[in-house]
């Protein structure tokens, strides 16, 4: 849960940084690009530390390494500094959903208690899946929303922020679970 706390703090720092840089009319996309690898890496660590089995841990390591390699290639060859890297954002969200599914299956198979809701990792998984799936929809429809008008795009991003707030509430719930290991 300490890793999750670090992720939450870094997430806040990233948002504040984007706001401050945006206020001085500078491009702040690089902060999102850098935060993306940090977020996926830290969530992968949270998931990895939450499972016992060798296979799910190995699979999470492979997924984390694959994502890091894809991210590095994207940053070296494909990133456009003046555009949102929505393709990489969608890839990151997809990896997080797969990592969540691997972790959920592993934890469900490993737990001895019938109440999964007492497991902190369940709340983390729910937060990740909620935010990631919602972000996939918003990013996937962003061009459609822009064609409809900027106000529709803004509504989509407000929905995205709402899902982020809900995910952070679920992360806080995870940190407050009595079943901390």
C-alpha atoms as a PDB file:
ATOM      1  CA  UNK A   1       0.000   0.000   0.000  1.00  0.00           C
ATOM      2  CA  UNK A   2       3.001   2.299   0.360  1.00  0.00           C
ATOM      3  CA  UNK A   3       3.585   2.031  -3.376  1.00  0.00           C
ATOM      4  CA  UNK A   4      -0.047   3.000  -3.937  1.00  0.00           C
ATOM      5  CA  UNK A   5       0.396   5.996  -1.640  1.00  0.00           C
ATOM      6  CA  UNK A   6       3.478   7.083  -3.619  1.00  0.00           C
ATOM      7  CA  UNK A   7       1.476   6.707  -6.844  1.00  0.00           C
ATOM      8  CA  UNK A   8      -1.322   8.872  -5.447  1.00  0.00           C
ATOM      9  CA  UNK A   9       1.125  11.595  -4.405  1.00  0.00           C
ATOM     10  CA  UNK A  10       2.881  11.520  -7.773  1.00  0.00           C
ATOM     11  CA  UNK A  11      -0.498  11.688  -9.516  1.00  0.00           C
ATOM     12  CA  UNK A  12      -1.335  14.860  -7.619  1.00  0.00           C
ATOM     13  CA  UNK A  13       2.094  16.342  -8.392  1.00  0.00           C
ATOM     14  CA  UNK A  14       1.607  15.537 -12.075  1.00  0.00           C
ATOM     15  CA  UNK A  15      -1.820  17.224 -12.223  1.00  0.00           C
ATOM     16  CA  UNK A  16      -0.556  20.318 -10.379  1.00  0.00           C
ATOM     17  CA  UNK A  17       2.455  20.435 -12.697  1.00  0.00           C
ATOM     18  CA  UNK A  18       0.233  20.241 -15.762  1.00  0.00           C
ATOM     19  CA  UNK A  19      -1.995  23.009 -14.418  1.00  0.00           C
ATOM     20  CA  UNK A  20       0.939  25.296 -13.623  1.00  0.00           C
ATOM     21  CA  UNK A  21       2.654  24.707 -16.950  1.00  0.00           C
ATOM     22  CA  UNK A  22      -0.667  25.166 -18.761  1.00  0.00           C
ATOM     23  CA  UNK A  23      -1.240  28.475 -16.946  1.00  0.00           C
ATOM     24  CA  UNK A  24       1.941  29.897 -18.450  1.00  0.00           C
ATOM     25  CA  UNK A  25       0.801  28.744 -21.917  1.00  0.00           C
ATOM     26  CA  UNK A  26       3.438  26.057 -22.295  1.00  0.00           C
ATOM     27  CA  UNK A  27       2.989  22.557 -23.665  1.00  0.00           C
ATOM     28  CA  UNK A  28       2.486  20.180 -20.728  1.00  0.00           C
ATOM     29  CA  UNK A  29       2.039  16.897 -22.639  1.00  0.00           C
ATOM     30  CA  UNK A  30       5.490  15.656 -21.619  1.00  0.00           C
ATOM     31  CA  UNK A  31       4.331  15.385 -18.001  1.00  0.00           C
ATOM     32  CA  UNK A  32       1.561  12.987 -19.038  1.00  0.00           C
ATOM     33  CA  UNK A  33       4.028  10.973 -21.109  1.00  0.00           C
ATOM     34  CA  UNK A  34       6.464  10.648 -18.210  1.00  0.00           C
ATOM     35  CA  UNK A  35       3.743   9.990 -15.649  1.00  0.00           C
ATOM     36  CA  UNK A  36       2.327   7.190 -17.829  1.00  0.00           C
ATOM     37  CA  UNK A  37       5.420   4.976 -17.374  1.00  0.00           C
ATOM     38  CA  UNK A  38       5.549   5.789 -13.672  1.00  0.00           C
ATOM     39  CA  UNK A  39       1.861   4.952 -13.198  1.00  0.00           C
ATOM     40  CA  UNK A  40       1.999   1.642 -15.065  1.00  0.00           C
ATOM     41  CA  UNK A  41       5.248   0.642 -13.332  1.00  0.00           C
ATOM     42  CA  UNK A  42       3.963   1.423  -9.838  1.00  0.00           C
ATOM     43  CA  UNK A  43       0.604  -0.265 -10.418  1.00  0.00           C
ATOM     44  CA  UNK A  44       2.434  -3.284 -11.827  1.00  0.00           C
ATOM     45  CA  UNK A  45       4.486  -3.339  -8.606  1.00  0.00           C
ATOM     46  CA  UNK A  46       1.311  -3.125  -6.497  1.00  0.00           C
ATOM     47  CA  UNK A  47      -0.223  -6.017  -8.441  1.00  0.00           C
ATOM     48  CA  UNK A  48       3.005  -8.045  -8.359  1.00  0.00           C
ATOM     49  CA  UNK A  49       3.330  -7.639  -4.587  1.00  0.00           C
ATOM     50  CA  UNK A  50      -0.313  -8.636  -4.082  1.00  0.00           C
ATOM     51  CA  UNK A  51      -0.082 -12.111  -5.590  1.00  0.00           C
ATOM     52  CA  UNK A  52       1.776 -15.155  -4.344  1.00  0.00           C
ATOM     53  CA  UNK A  53       1.852 -17.537  -7.303  1.00  0.00           C
ATOM     54  CA  UNK A  54       4.922 -17.702  -9.505  1.00  0.00           C
ATOM     55  CA  UNK A  55       2.976 -17.718 -12.772  1.00  0.00           C
ATOM     56  CA  UNK A  56       0.934 -14.565 -12.172  1.00  0.00           C
ATOM     57  CA  UNK A  57       4.005 -12.769 -10.813  1.00  0.00           C
ATOM     58  CA  UNK A  58       6.005 -13.806 -13.880  1.00  0.00           C
ATOM     59  CA  UNK A  59       3.183 -12.739 -16.200  1.00  0.00           C
ATOM     60  CA  UNK A  60       2.976  -9.346 -14.474  1.00  0.00           C
ATOM     61  CA  UNK A  61       6.751  -8.914 -14.885  1.00  0.00           C
ATOM     62  CA  UNK A  62       6.459  -9.757 -18.590  1.00  0.00           C
ATOM     63  CA  UNK A  63       3.544  -7.335 -19.052  1.00  0.00           C
ATOM     64  CA  UNK A  64       5.403  -4.568 -17.210  1.00  0.00           C
ATOM     65  CA  UNK A  65       8.549  -5.119 -19.256  1.00  0.00           C
ATOM     66  CA  UNK A  66       6.591  -5.209 -22.523  1.00  0.00           C
ATOM     67  CA  UNK A  67       4.860  -1.968 -21.663  1.00  0.00           C
ATOM     68  CA  UNK A  68       8.147  -0.287 -20.726  1.00  0.00           C
ATOM     69  CA  UNK A  69       9.653  -1.343 -24.071  1.00  0.00           C
ATOM     70  CA  UNK A  70       6.632  -0.091 -26.034  1.00  0.00           C
ATOM     71  CA  UNK A  71       6.665   3.181 -24.087  1.00  0.00           C
ATOM     72  CA  UNK A  72      10.395   3.691 -24.729  1.00  0.00           C
ATOM     73  CA  UNK A  73       9.987   3.033 -28.462  1.00  0.00           C
ATOM     74  CA  UNK A  74       7.044   5.419 -28.575  1.00  0.00           C
ATOM     75  CA  UNK A  75       9.016   8.150 -26.794  1.00  0.00           C
ATOM     76  CA  UNK A  76      12.027   7.676 -29.085  1.00  0.00           C
ATOM     77  CA  UNK A  77      10.292   7.431 -32.443  1.00  0.00           C
ATOM     78  CA  UNK A  78       6.604   8.311 -32.409  1.00  0.00           C
ATOM     79  CA  UNK A  79       5.833  10.996 -29.849  1.00  0.00           C
ATOM     80  CA  UNK A  80       4.760  14.351 -31.235  1.00  0.00           C
ATOM     81  CA  UNK A  81       5.511  17.072 -28.665  1.00  0.00           C
ATOM     82  CA  UNK A  82       2.521  19.230 -29.620  1.00  0.00           C
ATOM     83  CA  UNK A  83      -0.104  16.485 -29.547  1.00  0.00           C
ATOM     84  CA  UNK A  84      -1.690  14.320 -26.897  1.00  0.00           C
ATOM     85  CA  UNK A  85      -0.260  10.822 -27.238  1.00  0.00           C
ATOM     86  CA  UNK A  86      -3.684   9.188 -27.154  1.00  0.00           C
ATOM     87  CA  UNK A  87      -2.428   5.993 -28.794  1.00  0.00           C
ATOM     88  CA  UNK A  88       0.075   5.386 -26.004  1.00  0.00           C
ATOM     89  CA  UNK A  89      -2.527   6.350 -23.423  1.00  0.00           C
ATOM     90  CA  UNK A  90      -4.872   3.702 -24.844  1.00  0.00           C
ATOM     91  CA  UNK A  91      -2.091   1.113 -24.832  1.00  0.00           C
ATOM     92  CA  UNK A  92      -1.288   1.938 -21.189  1.00  0.00           C
ATOM     93  CA  UNK A  93      -4.948   1.595 -20.174  1.00  0.00           C
ATOM     94  CA  UNK A  94      -5.200  -1.731 -22.013  1.00  0.00           C
ATOM     95  CA  UNK A  95      -2.109  -3.061 -20.246  1.00  0.00           C
ATOM     96  CA  UNK A  96      -3.504  -1.948 -16.874  1.00  0.00           C
ATOM     97  CA  UNK A  97      -6.815  -3.703 -17.524  1.00  0.00           C
ATOM     98  CA  UNK A  98      -4.985  -6.928 -18.439  1.00  0.00           C
ATOM     99  CA  UNK A  99      -2.735  -6.626 -15.363  1.00  0.00           C
ATOM    100  CA  UNK A 100      -5.843  -6.077 -13.223  1.00  0.00           C
ATOM    101  CA  UNK A 101      -7.486  -9.194 -14.650  1.00  0.00           C
ATOM    102  CA  UNK A 102      -4.353 -11.297 -14.034  1.00  0.00           C
ATOM    103  CA  UNK A 103      -4.160 -10.024 -10.474  1.00  0.00           C
ATOM    104  CA  UNK A 104      -7.860 -10.543  -9.775  1.00  0.00           C
ATOM    105  CA  UNK A 105      -7.756 -14.129 -11.013  1.00  0.00           C
ATOM    106  CA  UNK A 106      -4.624 -14.834  -8.974  1.00  0.00           C
ATOM    107  CA  UNK A 107      -5.978 -13.245  -5.788  1.00  0.00           C
ATOM    108  CA  UNK A 108      -9.346 -14.988  -6.160  1.00  0.00           C
ATOM    109  CA  UNK A 109      -7.544 -18.322  -6.481  1.00  0.00           C
ATOM    110  CA  UNK A 110      -5.166 -17.645  -3.604  1.00  0.00           C
ATOM    111  CA  UNK A 111      -7.461 -16.132  -0.995  1.00  0.00           C
ATOM    112  CA  UNK A 112      -8.841 -18.241   1.789  1.00  0.00           C
ATOM    113  CA  UNK A 113     -11.517 -15.792   2.863  1.00  0.00           C
ATOM    114  CA  UNK A 114     -14.888 -15.723   1.117  1.00  0.00           C
ATOM    115  CA  UNK A 115     -14.990 -11.913   1.341  1.00  0.00           C
ATOM    116  CA  UNK A 116     -12.830 -10.486  -1.382  1.00  0.00           C
ATOM    117  CA  UNK A 117     -13.996  -7.000  -0.388  1.00  0.00           C
ATOM    118  CA  UNK A 118     -11.749  -7.214   2.671  1.00  0.00           C
ATOM    119  CA  UNK A 119      -8.752  -7.534   0.344  1.00  0.00           C
ATOM    120  CA  UNK A 120      -7.171  -4.117  -0.381  1.00  0.00           C
ATOM    121  CA  UNK A 121      -6.085  -5.225  -3.851  1.00  0.00           C
ATOM    122  CA  UNK A 122      -9.718  -5.686  -4.904  1.00  0.00           C
ATOM    123  CA  UNK A 123     -10.331  -1.967  -4.406  1.00  0.00           C
ATOM    124  CA  UNK A 124      -7.183  -1.104  -6.339  1.00  0.00           C
ATOM    125  CA  UNK A 125      -8.275  -3.377  -9.187  1.00  0.00           C
ATOM    126  CA  UNK A 126     -11.736  -1.801  -9.236  1.00  0.00           C
ATOM    127  CA  UNK A 127     -10.217   1.686  -9.354  1.00  0.00           C
ATOM    128  CA  UNK A 128      -7.817   0.769 -12.147  1.00  0.00           C
ATOM    129  CA  UNK A 129     -10.486  -0.960 -14.227  1.00  0.00           C
ATOM    130  CA  UNK A 130     -13.027   1.844 -13.714  1.00  0.00           C
ATOM    131  CA  UNK A 131     -10.636   4.598 -14.704  1.00  0.00           C
ATOM    132  CA  UNK A 132      -8.864   2.658 -17.456  1.00  0.00           C
ATOM    133  CA  UNK A 133     -12.023   1.467 -19.185  1.00  0.00           C
ATOM    134  CA  UNK A 134     -13.598   4.911 -18.954  1.00  0.00           C
ATOM    135  CA  UNK A 135     -10.466   6.558 -20.305  1.00  0.00           C
ATOM    136  CA  UNK A 136     -10.378   4.087 -23.181  1.00  0.00           C
ATOM    137  CA  UNK A 137     -13.913   5.126 -24.128  1.00  0.00           C
ATOM    138  CA  UNK A 138     -13.195   8.858 -23.832  1.00  0.00           C
ATOM    139  CA  UNK A 139      -9.918   8.588 -25.776  1.00  0.00           C
ATOM    140  CA  UNK A 140     -11.478   6.308 -28.365  1.00  0.00           C
ATOM    141  CA  UNK A 141     -14.291   8.770 -28.944  1.00  0.00           C
ATOM    142  CA  UNK A 142     -12.210  11.946 -28.647  1.00  0.00           C
ATOM    143  CA  UNK A 143     -12.146  12.630 -32.398  1.00  0.00           C
ATOM    144  CA  UNK A 144     -15.897  12.047 -32.621  1.00  0.00           C
ATOM    145  CA  UNK A 145     -16.428  14.367 -29.657  1.00  0.00           C
ATOM    146  CA  UNK A 146     -14.254  17.038 -31.275  1.00  0.00           C
ATOM    147  CA  UNK A 147     -16.247  16.796 -34.502  1.00  0.00           C
ATOM    148  CA  UNK A 148     -19.428  17.356 -32.498  1.00  0.00           C
ATOM    149  CA  UNK A 149     -17.895  20.431 -30.913  1.00  0.00           C
ATOM    150  CA  UNK A 150     -15.402  21.421 -28.262  1.00  0.00           C
ATOM    151  CA  UNK A 151     -18.120  21.468 -25.596  1.00  0.00           C
ATOM    152  CA  UNK A 152     -18.719  17.732 -26.123  1.00  0.00           C
ATOM    153  CA  UNK A 153     -14.996  17.076 -25.825  1.00  0.00           C
ATOM    154  CA  UNK A 154     -14.922  19.074 -22.575  1.00  0.00           C
ATOM    155  CA  UNK A 155     -17.842  17.013 -21.237  1.00  0.00           C
ATOM    156  CA  UNK A 156     -15.913  13.831 -22.102  1.00  0.00           C
ATOM    157  CA  UNK A 157     -12.891  15.048 -20.176  1.00  0.00           C
ATOM    158  CA  UNK A 158     -15.084  16.031 -17.230  1.00  0.00           C
ATOM    159  CA  UNK A 159     -16.387  12.458 -17.217  1.00  0.00           C
ATOM    160  CA  UNK A 160     -12.784  11.273 -17.362  1.00  0.00           C
ATOM    161  CA  UNK A 161     -11.872  13.428 -14.356  1.00  0.00           C
ATOM    162  CA  UNK A 162     -14.926  12.110 -12.494  1.00  0.00           C
ATOM    163  CA  UNK A 163     -13.753   8.545 -13.080  1.00  0.00           C
ATOM    164  CA  UNK A 164     -10.276   9.514 -11.870  1.00  0.00           C
ATOM    165  CA  UNK A 165     -11.761  10.906  -8.665  1.00  0.00           C
ATOM    166  CA  UNK A 166     -13.806   7.708  -8.206  1.00  0.00           C
ATOM    167  CA  UNK A 167     -10.672   5.614  -8.786  1.00  0.00           C
ATOM    168  CA  UNK A 168      -8.782   7.607  -6.162  1.00  0.00           C
ATOM    169  CA  UNK A 169     -11.640   7.069  -3.709  1.00  0.00           C
ATOM    170  CA  UNK A 170     -11.354   3.329  -4.366  1.00  0.00           C
ATOM    171  CA  UNK A 171      -7.571   3.542  -3.824  1.00  0.00           C
ATOM    172  CA  UNK A 172      -8.197   5.316  -0.517  1.00  0.00           C
ATOM    173  CA  UNK A 173     -10.647   2.538   0.408  1.00  0.00           C
ATOM    174  CA  UNK A 174      -7.878   0.029  -0.314  1.00  0.00           C
ATOM    175  CA  UNK A 175      -5.496   1.870   1.988  1.00  0.00           C
ATOM    176  CA  UNK A 176      -8.112   1.839   4.749  1.00  0.00           C
ATOM    177  CA  UNK A 177      -8.760  -1.922   4.566  1.00  0.00           C
ATOM    178  CA  UNK A 178      -8.108  -3.717   7.817  1.00  0.00           C
ATOM    179  CA  UNK A 179      -6.649  -6.681   5.928  1.00  0.00           C
ATOM    180  CA  UNK A 180      -3.263  -5.054   5.230  1.00  0.00           C
ATOM    181  CA  UNK A 181      -0.434  -7.481   4.646  1.00  0.00           C
END
